Amino acid sequence: MKVLLLITLVSLLLGIGALAGQFDIAEDEVRIVGGNATTIEQFPYIAQLRIDNQFECGACIISPKWVLTAGHCTNGYTELIENITLRVGATEFDQTANEAITLANLYIHPLYNETTQDYDISILLLNNNLVFGNKINSIALPPPNLVLPAGTLATVAGWGTLTYLGALPTQLQEVTVPIITNEECALRYNDTNTYISDRNLCAGYDQGGRDTCSGDSGGPLTANGVLYGVVSGGIGCADAKYPGTYTNVSSVRSFITSVTGL
């Protein structure tokens, strides 16, 4: 899970008194891992999910009142939704100046498996509808049971660390990665405990170097204006052997529709 490493990293940083906004990051330094800095106007459907006002994960706006994130980001909080808030509409990592958006309910997929991370999807119902504009908007959902061809280029965005065990960014990052088949992905992970199922998408370059990292969980993987994946996990960050893994939104489309009507 991309988020577990983030918790450890943030705890360490807080222990030495460093804040994310204080990192000295050169303007030309690559972001996410092997990506680039971007702005919220390019990804108005991305949100920050915070627990007890601490950054935890990314999230994906799919309508004025519904948001998707990874199941592992909200696991254990079904009865504690008052601890979860969202921040939207800003490029910067530190969004505490923005109004916190509260939840009316959350729905983790009933088949979510904490051990294998299968069905790693959670749906958030907001207390109040978002007001859409150029910095806040929704992303389209794919049809059910669609398989993206290998080699399809998809873009992922988030505020996760810039390298494995590295620093957090000061602003939103993006990176483009190619889809690989689930069969190839399963072969890459066959010597690990990582489980690849039909509910997964995998993406990455054979040589590694570009990927999501810790804190990007729950964020969007998109192609041609459609949300095909939600960042789920992987081993390390940008490892040549281990591609990033995503929840295949198309494969859980019936669950999304049953909860949201979308």
Protein backbone atom coordinates (compact mmCIF):
# COMPACT_ATOMS: atom_id res chain seq x y z
CA MET A 1 0.00 0.00 0.00
CA LYS A 2 1.42 3.35 -1.04
CA VAL A 3 -0.08 4.99 2.07
CA LEU A 4 1.61 2.87 4.75
CA LEU A 5 5.08 4.12 3.90
CA LEU A 6 3.76 7.68 3.95
CA ILE A 7 2.57 7.33 7.55
CA THR A 8 6.05 6.23 8.62
CA LEU A 9 7.71 9.01 6.62
CA VAL A 10 5.46 11.75 7.95
CA SER A 11 5.99 10.54 11.51
CA LEU A 12 9.74 10.73 10.98
CA LEU A 13 9.54 14.18 9.47
CA LEU A 14 7.39 15.49 12.28
CA GLY A 15 9.82 14.00 14.74
CA ILE A 16 12.62 16.16 13.39
CA GLY A 17 10.45 19.23 13.06
CA ALA A 18 10.33 19.39 9.24
CA LEU A 19 7.24 20.44 7.35
CA ALA A 20 6.45 19.44 3.75
CA GLY A 21 6.41 23.02 2.61
CA GLN A 22 9.91 23.58 3.95
CA PHE A 23 11.69 21.12 1.64
CA ASP A 24 14.14 22.81 -0.72
CA ILE A 25 13.04 21.45 -4.10
CA ALA A 26 14.65 22.78 -7.26
CA GLU A 27 12.29 23.99 -9.95
CA ASP A 28 13.63 21.48 -12.49
CA GLU A 29 13.62 18.46 -10.14
CA VAL A 30 11.39 15.57 -11.24
CA ARG A 31 8.25 14.89 -9.21
CA ILE A 32 6.11 11.85 -8.12
CA VAL A 33 8.88 9.56 -9.40
CA GLY A 34 10.11 10.60 -12.83
CA GLY A 35 7.22 13.01 -13.40
CA ASN A 36 6.66 16.76 -13.33
CA ALA A 37 4.99 19.49 -11.31
CA THR A 38 1.50 20.38 -12.49
CA THR A 39 -1.50 22.47 -11.41
CA ILE A 40 -4.97 21.74 -10.13
CA GLU A 41 -6.46 23.24 -13.30
CA GLN A 42 -5.04 20.25 -15.17
CA PHE A 43 -6.52 17.80 -12.64
CA PRO A 44 -9.59 19.52 -11.12
CA TYR A 45 -11.02 16.12 -10.18
CA ILE A 46 -8.25 15.27 -7.70
CA ALA A 47 -8.74 15.80 -3.97
CA GLN A 48 -6.70 15.35 -0.81
CA LEU A 49 -8.04 12.94 1.78
CA ARG A 50 -7.04 13.77 5.34
CA ILE A 51 -7.55 11.83 8.56
CA ASP A 52 -7.42 13.86 11.77
CA ASN A 53 -6.32 16.72 9.47
CA GLN A 54 -3.18 14.83 8.40
CA PHE A 55 -2.64 14.14 4.71
CA GLU A 56 -3.33 10.46 4.02
CA CYS A 57 -4.26 9.80 0.38
CA GLY A 58 -5.51 11.17 -2.88
CA ALA A 59 -9.12 10.92 -4.04
CA CYS A 60 -11.13 11.32 -7.27
CA ILE A 61 -14.21 13.54 -7.67
CA ILE A 62 -16.88 11.79 -9.79
CA SER A 63 -19.85 14.12 -9.15
CA PRO A 64 -20.67 17.15 -6.96
CA LYS A 65 -21.40 14.84 -4.03
CA TRP A 66 -19.49 11.59 -4.70
CA VAL A 67 -15.75 10.90 -4.45
CA LEU A 68 -13.71 7.72 -4.94
CA THR A 69 -10.57 6.65 -3.10
CA ALA A 70 -8.76 3.42 -2.30
CA GLY A 71 -10.42 1.11 0.21
CA HIS A 72 -7.25 0.85 2.30
CA CYS A 73 -7.28 4.64 2.74
CA THR A 74 -10.54 4.53 4.72
CA ASN A 75 -10.48 0.99 6.10
CA GLY A 76 -11.47 1.07 9.76
CA TYR A 77 -13.20 4.44 9.54
CA THR A 78 -16.72 3.40 8.54
CA GLU A 79 -17.94 4.36 12.00
CA LEU A 80 -15.50 7.26 12.35
CA ILE A 81 -16.29 9.36 9.29
CA GLU A 82 -16.05 12.55 11.34
CA ASN A 83 -12.28 11.94 11.37
CA ILE A 84 -12.09 12.14 7.57
CA THR A 85 -12.11 15.35 5.53
CA LEU A 86 -11.28 16.33 1.96
CA ARG A 87 -9.52 19.38 0.53
CA VAL A 88 -10.09 20.39 -3.08
CA GLY A 89 -9.26 23.09 -5.59
CA ALA A 90 -5.59 23.80 -4.80
CA THR A 91 -2.27 22.87 -6.36
CA GLU A 92 -0.23 23.15 -3.17
CA PHE A 93 0.50 20.21 -0.88
CA ASP A 94 -0.40 22.23 2.21
CA GLN A 95 -4.11 22.86 1.81
CA THR A 96 -5.00 23.49 5.43
CA ALA A 97 -6.04 27.04 4.58
CA ASN A 98 -8.83 25.61 2.41
CA GLU A 99 -12.19 24.78 3.89
CA ALA A 100 -12.40 21.17 5.09
CA ILE A 101 -15.10 19.15 3.34
CA THR A 102 -16.86 16.67 5.61
CA LEU A 103 -18.47 13.32 4.83
CA ALA A 104 -22.04 12.16 5.23
CA ASN A 105 -21.09 8.51 4.69
CA LEU A 106 -18.52 6.17 3.23
CA TYR A 107 -18.90 2.82 1.51
CA ILE A 108 -15.99 0.39 1.29
CA HIS A 109 -16.53 -2.40 -1.24
CA PRO A 110 -18.14 -5.31 0.66
CA LEU A 111 -15.55 -7.72 -0.80
CA TYR A 112 -12.55 -5.57 0.12
CA ASN A 113 -9.78 -7.81 1.43
CA GLU A 114 -7.32 -6.15 3.77
CA THR A 115 -4.71 -8.87 3.21
CA THR A 116 -4.73 -9.08 -0.59
CA GLN A 117 -6.02 -5.54 -1.26
CA ASP A 118 -8.55 -7.01 -3.69
CA TYR A 119 -11.58 -4.77 -4.38
CA ASP A 120 -9.56 -1.81 -3.08
CA ILE A 121 -12.18 0.90 -3.55
CA SER A 122 -14.13 3.21 -1.26
CA ILE A 123 -16.91 5.66 -2.11
CA LEU A 124 -17.34 8.88 -0.14
CA LEU A 125 -20.61 10.82 0.14
CA LEU A 126 -20.09 14.50 0.93
CA ASN A 127 -22.23 16.47 3.35
CA ASN A 128 -22.50 19.33 0.85
CA ASN A 129 -22.26 19.41 -2.93
CA LEU A 130 -19.09 20.81 -4.45
CA VAL A 131 -19.32 23.94 -6.58
CA PHE A 132 -17.66 23.14 -9.89
CA GLY A 133 -15.33 25.48 -11.77
CA ASN A 134 -11.91 25.39 -13.39
CA LYS A 135 -10.26 24.16 -10.19
CA ILE A 136 -12.94 21.74 -9.00
CA ASN A 137 -14.70 19.33 -11.34
CA SER A 138 -15.50 15.66 -11.92
CA ILE A 139 -13.88 12.94 -14.01
CA ALA A 140 -15.88 10.59 -16.25
CA LEU A 141 -16.24 6.92 -15.34
CA PRO A 142 -15.54 4.08 -17.78
CA PRO A 143 -18.15 1.51 -18.86
CA PRO A 144 -18.21 -1.82 -17.00
CA ASN A 145 -15.79 -4.64 -17.78
CA LEU A 146 -13.53 -2.67 -20.12
CA VAL A 147 -9.97 -3.91 -20.57
CA LEU A 148 -7.42 -1.24 -21.50
CA PRO A 149 -4.98 -2.53 -24.13
CA ALA A 150 -1.35 -2.97 -23.09
CA GLY A 151 0.70 0.04 -24.09
CA THR A 152 -2.11 2.54 -23.50
CA LEU A 153 -0.56 5.66 -21.98
CA ALA A 154 -2.31 6.82 -18.82
CA THR A 155 -1.58 9.73 -16.51
CA VAL A 156 -1.57 9.63 -12.73
CA ALA A 157 -1.41 12.59 -10.36
CA GLY A 158 -0.85 13.05 -6.66
CA TRP A 159 0.99 14.62 -3.74
CA GLY A 160 2.96 11.49 -2.83
CA THR A 161 6.69 11.36 -2.14
CA LEU A 162 9.09 12.20 -4.95
CA THR A 163 11.26 9.12 -4.45
CA TYR A 164 11.14 5.94 -2.40
CA LEU A 165 11.59 7.09 1.23
CA GLY A 166 12.03 10.59 -0.19
CA ALA A 167 10.59 14.03 0.42
CA LEU A 168 7.00 15.15 0.01
CA PRO A 169 6.35 17.70 -2.76
CA THR A 170 5.27 21.29 -2.34
CA GLN A 171 2.75 21.00 -5.19
CA LEU A 172 0.77 18.51 -7.24
CA GLN A 173 2.71 16.11 -9.47
CA GLU A 174 1.88 14.08 -12.60
CA VAL A 175 3.49 11.22 -14.51
CA THR A 176 2.50 9.21 -17.59
CA VAL A 177 2.94 5.43 -17.62
CA PRO A 178 1.95 2.63 -20.03
CA ILE A 179 -0.59 -0.05 -19.12
CA ILE A 180 0.76 -3.59 -18.98
CA THR A 181 -1.33 -6.76 -19.02
CA ASN A 182 -2.43 -8.33 -15.76
CA GLU A 183 -0.75 -11.56 -16.88
CA GLU A 184 2.60 -9.79 -17.21
CA CYS A 185 2.01 -7.95 -13.95
CA ALA A 186 1.29 -11.21 -12.10
CA LEU A 187 4.52 -12.68 -13.44
CA ARG A 188 6.48 -9.68 -12.18
CA TYR A 189 5.00 -10.11 -8.70
CA ASN A 190 5.08 -13.92 -8.55
CA ASP A 191 7.90 -13.96 -5.97
CA THR A 192 6.03 -11.61 -3.60
CA ASN A 193 2.87 -11.54 -1.52
CA THR A 194 1.26 -8.98 -3.83
CA TYR A 195 -2.00 -10.27 -5.30
CA ILE A 196 -2.98 -9.34 -8.87
CA SER A 197 -6.63 -9.95 -9.78
CA ASP A 198 -9.14 -8.88 -12.42
CA ARG A 199 -9.86 -5.91 -10.16
CA ASN A 200 -6.38 -4.55 -10.86
CA LEU A 201 -4.72 -2.48 -13.55
CA CYS A 202 -0.94 -2.36 -13.72
CA ALA A 203 1.22 0.31 -15.32
CA GLY A 204 4.91 1.07 -15.61
CA TYR A 205 7.96 1.05 -17.85
CA ASP A 206 10.21 -2.01 -18.24
CA GLN A 207 13.14 0.12 -17.14
CA GLY A 208 11.24 1.60 -14.20
CA GLY A 209 11.90 5.21 -13.30
CA ARG A 210 8.33 6.50 -13.40
CA ASP A 211 5.62 5.59 -10.93
CA THR A 212 3.40 6.67 -8.10
CA CYS A 213 4.87 6.63 -4.61
CA SER A 214 3.91 6.81 -0.94
CA GLY A 215 0.86 9.04 -0.41
CA ASP A 216 -0.47 8.74 -3.96
CA SER A 217 -2.92 5.97 -2.96
CA GLY A 218 -6.52 6.76 -3.88
CA GLY A 219 -5.53 9.16 -6.64
CA PRO A 220 -6.62 9.04 -10.30
CA LEU A 221 -5.15 7.13 -13.25
CA THR A 222 -6.77 8.60 -16.37
CA ALA A 223 -6.66 8.38 -20.15
CA ASN A 224 -8.58 10.58 -22.58
CA GLY A 225 -10.59 12.20 -19.79
CA VAL A 226 -11.78 8.93 -18.21
CA LEU A 227 -10.95 7.51 -14.78
CA TYR A 228 -9.65 3.99 -15.40
CA GLY A 229 -7.70 3.41 -12.21
CA VAL A 230 -7.37 4.39 -8.56
CA VAL A 231 -3.85 4.14 -7.12
CA SER A 232 -3.71 1.03 -4.95
CA GLY A 233 -0.21 -0.31 -4.27
CA GLY A 234 3.00 -1.85 -5.52
CA ILE A 235 6.44 -2.65 -4.15
CA GLY A 236 8.75 0.30 -3.74
CA CYS A 237 8.43 3.17 -6.20
CA ALA A 238 9.43 3.10 -9.88
CA ASP A 239 11.15 -0.28 -9.49
CA ALA A 240 11.96 -1.80 -12.89
CA LYS A 241 10.58 -5.20 -11.85
CA TYR A 242 7.46 -4.14 -9.99
CA PRO A 243 4.93 -1.92 -11.82
CA GLY A 244 2.41 0.23 -9.99
CA THR A 245 -0.92 -1.41 -9.24
CA TYR A 246 -4.30 0.29 -9.47
CA THR A 247 -7.89 -0.63 -8.74
CA ASN A 248 -9.56 -1.16 -12.11
CA VAL A 249 -12.52 1.22 -11.92
CA SER A 250 -14.30 -0.54 -14.78
CA SER A 251 -14.23 -3.84 -12.87
CA VAL A 252 -16.00 -2.32 -9.84
CA ARG A 253 -18.39 -0.20 -11.90
CA SER A 254 -21.48 -2.12 -10.75
CA PHE A 255 -20.61 -1.36 -7.10
CA ILE A 256 -20.13 2.33 -7.90
CA THR A 257 -23.47 2.47 -9.69
CA SER A 258 -25.28 0.61 -6.91
CA VAL A 259 -24.11 3.16 -4.34
CA THR A 260 -24.12 6.41 -6.34
CA GLY A 261 -26.55 5.83 -9.22
CA LEU A 262 -23.84 7.02 -11.63
